[in-house]
C-alpha atoms as a PDB file:
ATOM      1  CA  ALA A   1      85.251 -61.174 -66.794  1.00  0.00           C
ATOM      2  CA  GLY A   2      82.309 -62.407 -65.187  1.00  0.00           C
ATOM      3  CA  ALA A   3      82.779 -59.392 -62.947  1.00  0.00           C
ATOM      4  CA  SER A   4      80.047 -57.709 -61.584  1.00  0.00           C
ATOM      5  CA  PRO A   5      79.997 -54.018 -63.099  1.00  0.00           C
ATOM      6  CA  LYS A   6      80.897 -51.779 -60.434  1.00  0.00           C
ATOM      7  CA  CYS A   7      78.048 -49.063 -59.115  1.00  0.00           C
ATOM      8  CA  ALA A   8      76.971 -46.122 -56.819  1.00  0.00           C
ATOM      9  CA  PRO A   9      76.900 -46.982 -53.366  1.00  0.00           C
ATOM     10  CA  GLY A  10      73.165 -47.913 -52.338  1.00  0.00           C
ATOM     11  CA  THR A  11      72.196 -49.423 -56.230  1.00  0.00           C
ATOM     12  CA  VAL A  12      72.309 -52.062 -57.498  1.00  0.00           C
ATOM     13  CA  PRO A  13      73.883 -53.378 -60.941  1.00  0.00           C
ATOM     14  CA  PRO A  14      71.567 -53.028 -63.888  1.00  0.00           C
ATOM     15  CA  THR A  15      71.507 -56.945 -64.040  1.00  0.00           C
ATOM     16  CA  LEU A  16      70.534 -56.960 -61.176  1.00  0.00           C
ATOM     17  CA  GLY A  17      68.197 -54.265 -61.205  1.00  0.00           C
ATOM     18  CA  LEU A  18      66.794 -55.656 -64.217  1.00  0.00           C
ATOM     19  CA  SER A  19      65.560 -58.680 -63.056  1.00  0.00           C
ATOM     20  CA  SER A  20      64.469 -58.058 -59.912  1.00  0.00           C
ATOM     21  CA  GLY A  21      62.000 -55.265 -61.276  1.00  0.00           C
ATOM     22  CA  LEU A  22      64.163 -52.318 -60.401  1.00  0.00           C
ATOM     23  CA  LEU A  23      64.798 -49.212 -63.088  1.00  0.00           C
ATOM     24  CA  PRO A  24      67.818 -48.617 -62.830  1.00  0.00           C
ATOM     25  CA  GLY A  25      69.568 -45.825 -60.361  1.00  0.00           C
ATOM     26  CA  GLN A  26      66.880 -47.041 -57.579  1.00  0.00           C
ATOM     27  CA  GLY A  27      67.751 -48.795 -55.089  1.00  0.00           C
ATOM     28  CA  LEU A  28      66.595 -51.471 -52.331  1.00  0.00           C
ATOM     29  CA  ALA A  29      63.272 -51.898 -51.816  1.00  0.00           C
ATOM     30  CA  SER A  30      62.422 -50.720 -48.244  1.00  0.00           C
ATOM     31  CA  PRO A  31      60.048 -53.658 -46.293  1.00  0.00           C
ATOM     32  CA  PRO A  32      56.487 -53.694 -46.128  1.00  0.00           C
ATOM     33  CA  MET A  33      55.223 -51.876 -43.778  1.00  0.00           C
ATOM     34  CA  GLY A  34      51.918 -53.214 -41.811  1.00  0.00           C
ATOM     35  CA  ILE A  35      48.234 -51.658 -41.944  1.00  0.00           C
ATOM     36  CA  GLY A  36      49.296 -50.110 -38.386  1.00  0.00           C
ATOM     37  CA  GLN A  37      52.597 -48.660 -39.526  1.00  0.00           C
ATOM     38  CA  GLN A  38      51.071 -46.584 -42.525  1.00  0.00           C
ATOM     39  CA  GLN A  39      48.689 -45.114 -39.769  1.00  0.00           C
ATOM     40  CA  LEU A  40      50.815 -44.138 -38.018  1.00  0.00           C
ATOM     41  CA  VAL A  41      52.854 -42.210 -40.275  1.00  0.00           C
ATOM     42  CA  GLY A  42      49.296 -40.698 -41.473  1.00  0.00           C
ATOM     43  CA  LEU A  43      48.117 -39.345 -38.392  1.00  0.00           C
ATOM     44  CA  ARG A  44      52.503 -38.382 -37.826  1.00  0.00           C
ATOM     45  CA  LYS A  45      51.974 -36.495 -40.749  1.00  0.00           C
ATOM     46  CA  ALA A  46      48.853 -35.084 -40.600  1.00  0.00           C
ATOM     47  CA  PRO A  47      48.680 -31.466 -39.752  1.00  0.00           C
ATOM     48  CA  GLY A  48      46.424 -29.848 -36.737  1.00  0.00           C
ATOM     49  CA  LEU A  49      46.407 -33.504 -35.112  1.00  0.00           C
ATOM     50  CA  PRO A  50      47.301 -33.622 -31.711  1.00  0.00           C
ATOM     51  CA  SER A  51      50.441 -35.591 -30.002  1.00  0.00           C
ATOM     52  CA  MET A  52      49.417 -39.108 -29.376  1.00  0.00           C
ATOM     53  CA  LEU A  53      52.546 -39.780 -27.111  1.00  0.00           C
ATOM     54  CA  GLY A  54      50.992 -40.501 -23.683  1.00  0.00           C
ATOM     55  CA  VAL A  55      47.966 -41.791 -24.901  1.00  0.00           C
ATOM     56  CA  PRO A  56      48.294 -45.927 -24.083  1.00  0.00           C
ATOM     57  CA  GLY A  57      49.403 -48.399 -27.330  1.00  0.00           C
ATOM     58  CA  MET A  58      51.659 -44.824 -28.372  1.00  0.00           C
ATOM     59  CA  LEU A  59      54.539 -44.594 -26.966  1.00  0.00           C
ATOM     60  CA  GLY A  60      55.945 -45.272 -29.878  1.00  0.00           C
ATOM     61  CA  VAL A  61      55.078 -41.945 -31.426  1.00  0.00           C
ATOM     62  CA  THR A  62      57.240 -39.370 -31.590  1.00  0.00           C
ATOM     63  CA  GLY A  63      56.910 -36.033 -32.379  1.00  0.00           C
ATOM     64  CA  ALA A  64      57.295 -32.093 -32.883  1.00  0.00           C
ATOM     65  CA  GLY A  65      55.532 -30.125 -29.356  1.00  0.00           C
ATOM     66  CA  ASN A  66      54.867 -33.655 -26.980  1.00  0.00           C
ATOM     67  CA  PHE A  67      55.027 -33.372 -24.077  1.00  0.00           C
ATOM     68  CA  PRO A  68      54.549 -36.329 -21.415  1.00  0.00           C
ATOM     69  CA  ALA A  69      51.160 -36.136 -19.960  1.00  0.00           C
ATOM     70  CA  PRO A  70      51.249 -35.042 -16.041  1.00  0.00           C
ATOM     71  CA  VAL A  71      50.550 -37.454 -13.852  1.00  0.00           C
ATOM     72  CA  LEU A  72      48.478 -37.148 -10.351  1.00  0.00           C
ATOM     73  CA  ASP A  73      49.054 -38.053  -6.745  1.00  0.00           C
ATOM     74  CA  THR A  74      46.998 -39.700  -4.411  1.00  0.00           C
ATOM     75  CA  GLU A  75      46.660 -36.304  -2.724  1.00  0.00           C
ATOM     76  CA  SER A  76      45.406 -34.686  -5.370  1.00  0.00           C
ATOM     77  CA  LEU A  77      43.119 -36.786  -6.321  1.00  0.00           C
ATOM     78  CA  ALA A  78      41.868 -36.747  -3.514  1.00  0.00           C
ATOM     79  CA  GLN A  79      41.311 -33.301  -3.293  1.00  0.00           C
ATOM     80  CA  MET A  80      39.851 -33.004  -6.262  1.00  0.00           C
ATOM     81  CA  ARG A  81      36.628 -36.423  -5.347  1.00  0.00           C
ATOM     82  CA  TYR A  82      36.807 -34.008  -2.584  1.00  0.00           C
ATOM     83  CA  GLN A  83      35.579 -30.616  -4.410  1.00  0.00           C
ATOM     84  CA  GLN A  84      33.239 -32.554  -7.357  1.00  0.00           C
ATOM     85  CA  VAL A  85      31.452 -34.251  -3.993  1.00  0.00           C
ATOM     86  CA  ALA A  86      31.416 -30.477  -2.562  1.00  0.00           C
ATOM     87  CA  ALA A  87      29.913 -29.194  -5.682  1.00  0.00           C
ATOM     88  CA  GLU A  88      27.220 -31.504  -6.409  1.00  0.00           C
ATOM     89  CA  TYR A  89      25.889 -31.344  -2.389  1.00  0.00           C
ATOM     90  CA  GLU A  90      25.744 -27.368  -3.309  1.00  0.00           C
ATOM     91  CA  GLN A  91      23.978 -28.405  -5.986  1.00  0.00           C
ATOM     92  CA  ILE A  92      21.181 -30.702  -4.217  1.00  0.00           C
ATOM     93  CA  LYS A  93      21.455 -27.909  -1.529  1.00  0.00           C
ATOM     94  CA  THR A  94      20.367 -25.065  -3.450  1.00  0.00           C
ATOM     95  CA  LEU A  95      17.175 -27.342  -6.240  1.00  0.00           C
ATOM     96  CA  ALA A  96      15.698 -28.756  -2.900  1.00  0.00           C
ATOM     97  CA  VAL A  97      12.595 -27.217  -0.909  1.00  0.00           C
ATOM     98  CA  ASP A  98      12.363 -25.356   1.690  1.00  0.00           C
ATOM     99  CA  PRO A  99      10.620 -28.143   4.173  1.00  0.00           C
ATOM    100  CA  GLN A 100       8.243 -24.720   5.252  1.00  0.00           C
ATOM    101  CA  VAL A 101       8.113 -23.648   1.905  1.00  0.00           C
ATOM    102  CA  GLN A 102       6.816 -27.005   0.957  1.00  0.00           C
ATOM    103  CA  ASP A 103       4.103 -27.063   3.912  1.00  0.00           C
ATOM    104  CA  PHE A 104       3.603 -23.501   2.839  1.00  0.00           C
ATOM    105  CA  CYS A 105       2.207 -25.128  -0.919  1.00  0.00           C
ATOM    106  CA  GLU A 106       0.926 -28.782  -0.698  1.00  0.00           C
ATOM    107  CA  TYR A 107      -1.500 -26.396   2.214  1.00  0.00           C
ATOM    108  CA  HIS A 108      -2.759 -23.598   0.125  1.00  0.00           C
ATOM    109  CA  SER A 109      -2.254 -26.489  -3.284  1.00  0.00           C
ATOM    110  CA  LEU A 110      -0.117 -24.597  -5.113  1.00  0.00           C
ATOM    111  CA  ASP A 111       1.624 -25.968  -8.495  1.00  0.00           C
ATOM    112  CA  GLY A 112       5.357 -26.907  -8.764  1.00  0.00           C
ATOM    113  CA  ARG A 113       6.050 -23.682 -10.789  1.00  0.00           C
ATOM    114  CA  ILE A 114       5.124 -21.117  -7.680  1.00  0.00           C
ATOM    115  CA  THR A 115       6.776 -23.804  -5.217  1.00  0.00           C
ATOM    116  CA  ARG A 116       9.962 -23.402  -7.276  1.00  0.00           C
ATOM    117  CA  LEU A 117       9.746 -19.782  -7.941  1.00  0.00           C
ATOM    118  CA  LEU A 118       9.188 -19.005  -3.919  1.00  0.00           C
ATOM    119  CA  ASP A 119      11.357 -21.114  -2.758  1.00  0.00           C
ATOM    120  CA  GLU A 120      14.195 -19.516  -4.909  1.00  0.00           C
ATOM    121  CA  GLU A 121      13.156 -15.784  -3.821  1.00  0.00           C
ATOM    122  CA  LEU A 122      12.945 -17.528  -0.794  1.00  0.00           C
ATOM    123  CA  LYS A 123      16.758 -18.965  -0.546  1.00  0.00           C
ATOM    124  CA  LYS A 124      17.493 -15.346  -1.014  1.00  0.00           C
ATOM    125  CA  ARG A 125      16.591 -13.617   1.918  1.00  0.00           C
ATOM    126  CA  LYS A 126      17.915 -15.797   4.368  1.00  0.00           C
ATOM    127  CA  ASP A 127      18.465 -13.404   6.978  1.00  0.00           C
ATOM    128  CA  THR A 128      14.367 -12.523   6.557  1.00  0.00           C
ATOM    129  CA  PHE A 129      12.961 -15.955   5.702  1.00  0.00           C
ATOM    130  CA  GLU A 130      11.410 -16.664   9.210  1.00  0.00           C
ATOM    131  CA  GLU A 131       9.220 -13.129   9.119  1.00  0.00           C
ATOM    132  CA  ASP A 132       9.008 -13.723   5.601  1.00  0.00           C
ATOM    133  CA  MET A 133       6.884 -16.997   6.201  1.00  0.00           C
ATOM    134  CA  LYS A 134       4.563 -15.902   8.968  1.00  0.00           C
ATOM    135  CA  ALA A 135       3.908 -12.507   6.542  1.00  0.00           C
ATOM    136  CA  LEU A 136       3.213 -14.892   3.231  1.00  0.00           C
ATOM    137  CA  TRP A 137       0.519 -17.038   6.115  1.00  0.00           C
ATOM    138  CA  ILE A 138      -1.394 -13.827   6.936  1.00  0.00           C
ATOM    139  CA  SER A 139      -1.353 -12.310   3.265  1.00  0.00           C
ATOM    140  CA  VAL A 140      -2.370 -15.657   2.077  1.00  0.00           C
ATOM    141  CA  GLU A 141      -4.769 -16.481   5.019  1.00  0.00           C
ATOM    142  CA  GLY A 142      -8.695 -16.458   3.488  1.00  0.00           C
ATOM    143  CA  SER A 143      -7.470 -15.508   0.013  1.00  0.00           C
ATOM    144  CA  LYS A 144      -9.677 -16.859  -2.750  1.00  0.00           C
ATOM    145  CA  ASN A 145      -6.677 -16.668  -5.602  1.00  0.00           C
ATOM    146  CA  ALA A 146      -4.042 -17.945  -3.585  1.00  0.00           C
ATOM    147  CA  PRO A 147      -1.775 -18.568  -6.691  1.00  0.00           C
ATOM    148  CA  GLY A 148      -1.943 -15.475  -7.724  1.00  0.00           C
ATOM    149  CA  MET A 149      -2.056 -13.781  -4.641  1.00  0.00           C
ATOM    150  CA  VAL A 150       1.379 -15.541  -4.109  1.00  0.00           C
ATOM    151  CA  MET A 151       2.976 -14.841  -7.820  1.00  0.00           C
ATOM    152  CA  MET A 152       2.334 -11.196  -6.373  1.00  0.00           C
ATOM    153  CA  LYS A 153       3.997 -11.653  -3.545  1.00  0.00           C
ATOM    154  CA  VAL A 154       7.116 -13.075  -5.530  1.00  0.00           C
ATOM    155  CA  LYS A 155       6.592 -10.012  -7.538  1.00  0.00           C
ATOM    156  CA  GLU A 156       7.570  -7.714  -4.825  1.00  0.00           C
ATOM    157  CA  MET A 157      10.454  -9.487  -3.306  1.00  0.00           C
ATOM    158  CA  ARG A 158      12.297  -9.272  -6.784  1.00  0.00           C
ATOM    159  CA  MET A 159      11.300  -5.425  -7.347  1.00  0.00           C
ATOM    160  CA  GLY A 160      12.546  -5.291  -3.487  1.00  0.00           C
ATOM    161  CA  THR A 161       9.559  -4.140  -2.073  1.00  0.00           C
ATOM    162  CA  PHE A 162       8.003  -6.809  -0.218  1.00  0.00           C
ATOM    163  CA  ARG A 163       7.372  -6.280   3.519  1.00  0.00           C
ATOM    164  CA  GLY A 164       8.457  -8.910   6.505  1.00  0.00           C
ATOM    165  CA  LEU A 165       5.941  -8.751   9.400  1.00  0.00           C
ATOM    166  CA  THR A 166       5.881  -5.854  11.352  1.00  0.00           C
ATOM    167  CA  ALA A 167       4.456  -5.181  14.778  1.00  0.00           C
ATOM    168  CA  LEU A 168       1.750  -3.088  13.210  1.00  0.00           C
ATOM    169  CA  ASP A 169       0.679  -6.138  10.324  1.00  0.00           C
ATOM    170  CA  LYS A 170       0.219  -8.188  13.588  1.00  0.00           C
ATOM    171  CA  LYS A 171      -1.636  -5.389  14.679  1.00  0.00           C
ATOM    172  CA  VAL A 172      -3.781  -4.995  11.874  1.00  0.00           C
ATOM    173  CA  HIS A 173      -4.012  -8.704  11.288  1.00  0.00           C
ATOM    174  CA  ALA A 174      -6.131  -9.170  14.543  1.00  0.00           C
ATOM    175  CA  TYR A 175      -8.101  -5.642  13.620  1.00  0.00           C
ATOM    176  CA  ALA A 176      -8.861  -7.363  10.702  1.00  0.00           C
ATOM    177  CA  LYS A 177      -9.949 -10.542  12.064  1.00  0.00           C
ATOM    178  CA  ARG A 178     -12.107  -7.918  14.478  1.00  0.00           C
ATOM    179  CA  TYR A 179     -13.629  -6.699  11.724  1.00  0.00           C
ATOM    180  CA  ARG A 180     -14.292  -9.097   9.301  1.00  0.00           C
ATOM    181  CA  LEU A 181     -12.360  -7.404   6.926  1.00  0.00           C
ATOM    182  CA  ASP A 182     -10.719 -10.197   3.897  1.00  0.00           C
ATOM    183  CA  THR A 183      -6.238 -10.390   3.218  1.00  0.00           C
ATOM    184  CA  GLN A 184      -6.597  -7.660   0.674  1.00  0.00           C
ATOM    185  CA  ALA A 185      -7.932  -5.052   2.517  1.00  0.00           C
ATOM    186  CA  GLY A 186      -5.543  -6.023   5.783  1.00  0.00           C
ATOM    187  CA  MET A 187      -2.708  -5.699   3.214  1.00  0.00           C
ATOM    188  CA  ARG A 188      -3.665  -2.531   1.922  1.00  0.00           C
ATOM    189  CA  LEU A 189      -4.418  -0.694   5.963  1.00  0.00           C
ATOM    190  CA  ALA A 190      -0.901  -1.999   7.210  1.00  0.00           C
ATOM    191  CA  GLU A 191       0.572  -0.139   4.333  1.00  0.00           C
ATOM    192  CA  VAL A 192      -1.538   3.432   4.649  1.00  0.00           C
ATOM    193  CA  LEU A 193      -1.033   3.260   8.518  1.00  0.00           C
ATOM    194  CA  GLU A 194       2.624   2.766   8.207  1.00  0.00           C
ATOM    195  CA  LYS A 195       2.466   6.623   6.693  1.00  0.00           C
ATOM    196  CA  ARG A 196       0.311   7.834   9.672  1.00  0.00           C
ATOM    197  CA  GLU A 197       1.434   9.508  12.229  1.00  0.00           C
ATOM    198  CA  ASP A 198      -1.960   7.937  14.728  1.00  0.00           C
ATOM    199  CA  ALA A 199      -2.207   4.736  13.272  1.00  0.00           C
ATOM    200  CA  ASP A 200      -4.260   3.923  16.455  1.00  0.00           C
ATOM    201  CA  GLY A 201      -6.329   6.881  16.609  1.00  0.00           C
ATOM    202  CA  ASP A 202      -7.431   6.107  12.824  1.00  0.00           C
ATOM    203  CA  LEU A 203      -7.604   2.229  13.561  1.00  0.00           C
ATOM    204  CA  GLU A 204     -10.648   3.958  16.510  1.00  0.00           C
ATOM    205  CA  LYS A 205     -12.021   5.992  13.987  1.00  0.00           C
ATOM    206  CA  LEU A 206     -12.316   3.393  11.323  1.00  0.00           C
ATOM    207  CA  ALA A 207     -13.754   0.740  13.843  1.00  0.00           C
ATOM    208  CA  LYS A 208     -16.838   2.815  13.856  1.00  0.00           C
ATOM    209  CA  HIS A 209     -17.302   3.055  10.325  1.00  0.00           C
ATOM    210  CA  LEU A 210     -16.782  -0.557   9.774  1.00  0.00           C
ATOM    211  CA  GLU A 211     -18.677  -2.032  12.174  1.00  0.00           C
ATOM    212  CA  ARG A 212     -21.444  -0.165  11.013  1.00  0.00           C
ATOM    213  CA  SER A 213     -20.896  -2.097   7.661  1.00  0.00           C
ATOM    214  CA  ASN A 214     -22.088  -5.293   6.072  1.00  0.00           C
ATOM    215  CA  ARG A 215     -19.254  -4.758   3.675  1.00  0.00           C
ATOM    216  CA  PRO A 216     -16.525  -3.200   5.206  1.00  0.00           C
ATOM    217  CA  SER A 217     -13.552  -4.613   3.227  1.00  0.00           C
ATOM    218  CA  SER A 218     -14.942  -2.847  -0.032  1.00  0.00           C
ATOM    219  CA  LEU A 219     -16.041   0.579   2.763  1.00  0.00           C
ATOM    220  CA  LEU A 220     -12.384   0.165   4.182  1.00  0.00           C
ATOM    221  CA  MET A 221     -10.684   0.482   0.595  1.00  0.00           C
ATOM    222  CA  MET A 222     -13.209   3.498  -0.528  1.00  0.00           C
ATOM    223  CA  MET A 223     -11.863   4.993   3.233  1.00  0.00           C
ATOM    224  CA  LEU A 224      -8.028   4.352   2.547  1.00  0.00           C
ATOM    225  CA  LYS A 225      -7.731   7.164  -0.526  1.00  0.00           C
ATOM    226  CA  ASP A 226      -8.724   9.935   2.532  1.00  0.00           C
ATOM    227  CA  LEU A 227      -6.153   8.627   4.438  1.00  0.00           C
ATOM    228  CA  ARG A 228      -3.070   8.357   1.928  1.00  0.00           C
ATOM    229  CA  GLU A 229      -4.397  11.791   1.207  1.00  0.00           C
ATOM    230  CA  GLY A 230      -3.364  12.983   4.753  1.00  0.00           C
ATOM    231  CA  LYS A 231      -6.902  13.634   5.166  1.00  0.00           C
ATOM    232  CA  PRO A 232      -8.929  13.305   8.935  1.00  0.00           C
ATOM    233  CA  LEU A 233     -11.664  10.942   9.023  1.00  0.00           C
ATOM    234  CA  LYS A 234     -14.658  12.081   9.702  1.00  0.00           C
ATOM    235  CA  GLU A 235     -17.503  10.427  12.029  1.00  0.00           C
ATOM    236  CA  PRO A 236     -20.434   7.847  11.041  1.00  0.00           C
ATOM    237  CA  LYS A 237     -23.992   9.307   9.470  1.00  0.00           C
ATOM    238  CA  PHE A 238     -25.077   5.956   9.318  1.00  0.00           C
ATOM    239  CA  SER A 239     -26.808   4.153  11.622  1.00  0.00           C
ATOM    240  CA  ALA A 240     -25.842   0.154  11.501  1.00  0.00           C
ATOM    241  CA  ALA A 241     -26.857  -1.941   8.560  1.00  0.00           C
ATOM    242  CA  VAL A 242     -28.516  -5.451   9.003  1.00  0.00           C
ATOM    243  CA  GLY A 243     -25.969  -7.759   8.427  1.00  0.00           C
ATOM    244  CA  SER A 244     -22.968  -5.928  10.473  1.00  0.00           C
ATOM    245  CA  ARG A 245     -20.542  -5.756  13.225  1.00  0.00           C
ATOM    246  CA  LEU A 246     -22.672  -3.705  14.984  1.00  0.00           C
ATOM    247  CA  HIS A 247     -26.468  -4.890  14.006  1.00  0.00           C
ATOM    248  CA  ASP A 248     -25.320  -8.162  15.481  1.00  0.00           C
ATOM    249  CA  LYS A 249     -24.272  -6.601  18.408  1.00  0.00           C
ATOM    250  CA  GLU A 250     -26.885  -4.597  18.749  1.00  0.00           C
ATOM    251  CA  LEU A 251     -29.577  -7.848  18.299  1.00  0.00           C
ATOM    252  CA  ARG A 252     -27.558 -10.238  21.015  1.00  0.00           C
ATOM    253  CA  GLU A 253     -28.318  -7.413  23.781  1.00  0.00           C
ATOM    254  CA  LEU A 254     -32.018  -6.899  22.632  1.00  0.00           C
ATOM    255  CA  LYS A 255     -32.352 -11.022  23.235  1.00  0.00           C
ATOM    256  CA  LYS A 256     -30.648 -10.539  26.138  1.00  0.00           C
ATOM    257  CA  ARG A 257     -32.587  -7.987  27.616  1.00  0.00           C
ATOM    258  CA  SER A 258     -36.212 -10.066  26.428  1.00  0.00           C
ATOM    259  CA  ARG A 259     -34.811 -12.908  27.822  1.00  0.00           C
ATOM    260  CA  SER A 260     -34.034 -10.782  31.548  1.00  0.00           C
ATOM    261  CA  ARG A 261     -37.428  -9.162  31.455  1.00  0.00           C
ATOM    262  CA  ASN A 262     -38.877 -12.522  30.737  1.00  0.00           C
ATOM    263  CA  ASP A 263     -37.757 -14.520  33.709  1.00  0.00           C
ATOM    264  CA  ARG A 264     -39.130 -11.445  35.742  1.00  0.00           C
ATOM    265  CA  ASN A 265     -42.450 -11.774  34.271  1.00  0.00           C
ATOM    266  CA  ARG A 266     -42.392 -15.559  35.625  1.00  0.00           C
ATOM    267  CA  GLY A 267     -41.515 -14.427  38.334  1.00  0.00           C
ATOM    268  CA  GLY A 268     -44.250 -12.126  39.142  1.00  0.00           C
ATOM    269  CA  ARG A 269     -47.200 -14.907  38.239  1.00  0.00           C
ATOM    270  CA  ASP A 270     -45.312 -17.315  40.196  1.00  0.00           C
ATOM    271  CA  GLU A 271     -46.237 -14.956  43.173  1.00  0.00           C
ATOM    272  CA  ALA A 272     -49.380 -14.313  42.507  1.00  0.00           C
ATOM    273  CA  LYS A 273     -50.207 -17.469  42.374  1.00  0.00           C
ATOM    274  CA  GLY A 274     -48.668 -18.995  46.099  1.00  0.00           C
ATOM    275  CA  GLY A 275     -46.268 -17.112  47.090  1.00  0.00           C
ATOM    276  CA  ARG A 276     -42.864 -16.594  45.711  1.00  0.00           C
ATOM    277  CA  HIS A 277     -41.770 -19.618  43.854  1.00  0.00           C
ATOM    278  CA  ASP A 278     -38.940 -19.864  45.635  1.00  0.00           C
ATOM    279  CA  LYS A 279     -40.200 -19.967  49.364  1.00  0.00           C
ATOM    280  CA  LYS A 280     -39.477 -23.195  51.650  1.00  0.00           C
ATOM    281  CA  LYS A 281     -43.030 -24.810  52.262  1.00  0.00           C
ATOM    282  CA  PRO A 282     -43.348 -25.325  56.224  1.00  0.00           C
ATOM    283  CA  SER A 283     -42.491 -28.418  57.326  1.00  0.00           C
ATOM    284  CA  ALA A 284     -45.928 -30.944  58.679  1.00  0.00           C
ATOM    285  CA  ALA A 285     -44.739 -29.888  62.246  1.00  0.00           C
ATOM    286  CA  THR A 286     -45.166 -26.818  61.742  1.00  0.00           C
ATOM    287  CA  ALA A 287     -48.381 -27.023  59.483  1.00  0.00           C
ATOM    288  CA  SER A 288     -49.895 -29.485  62.204  1.00  0.00           C
ATOM    289  CA  HIS A 289     -49.121 -26.852  65.028  1.00  0.00           C
ATOM    290  CA  GLU A 290     -50.412 -24.130  63.278  1.00  0.00           C
ATOM    291  CA  ARG A 291     -54.102 -25.996  62.223  1.00  0.00           C
ATOM    292  CA  LYS A 292     -54.295 -26.974  66.577  1.00  0.00           C
ATOM    293  CA  HIS A 293     -53.984 -22.767  67.438  1.00  0.00           C
END
């Protein structure tokens, strides 16, 4: 009497259970968990969530498949930083427009889009960059539509048909200036002459036609068809047109002859009036001696 009934280990007597609100057979209640502990348990049990080991403040959380985070030494961190800086430099270098390209585009009033496109293509042609720039200056010089001409050159670079400046191009460039050819005509002439056997002979024969025309570029573009087909050039059968190079030359020679004739006539009139105009006047002593005798 007065002894508490025996109970199985881990259980409470019935009277204690009833007084504490526990049902028979239940163990003692665990201490209530804090909010942080409940959240950790929930995270640990949630499927698919990564391990929290290695995260600051979560060192007490464990679970299957958790591994400590790798620790980088100073040398590894320095190498990673170097690679990052090098990559950033290469990116800036790639994005920056070459100064020569920038000057070219500013001179011809090209917008930013064309400038970037041209710079991108020229960066792929580092071995021929200098010759390409010279060819671009010559190609666009005197062009009435510089943006359109540059875009055509960009397209040729993409297709692999763009040609740099050759010795023949330099000769044709000087030839085009002499015979008043526009940029487009000069470029087409250089392209056609590359496939001709006697380019110098063709230039001499073309000159006889071009110097007689007051529209040499248009005339040349019509004659290029025969050159492409390999036909020989014929001698010109028309006289010099007004305003042509030969006509201007003839006018200059005519004015020169007329000026020389006028000078001779003026000298003759001076001689008729009182002897040669360049004859020296006699001195006073000589004149006095002649009067005495």
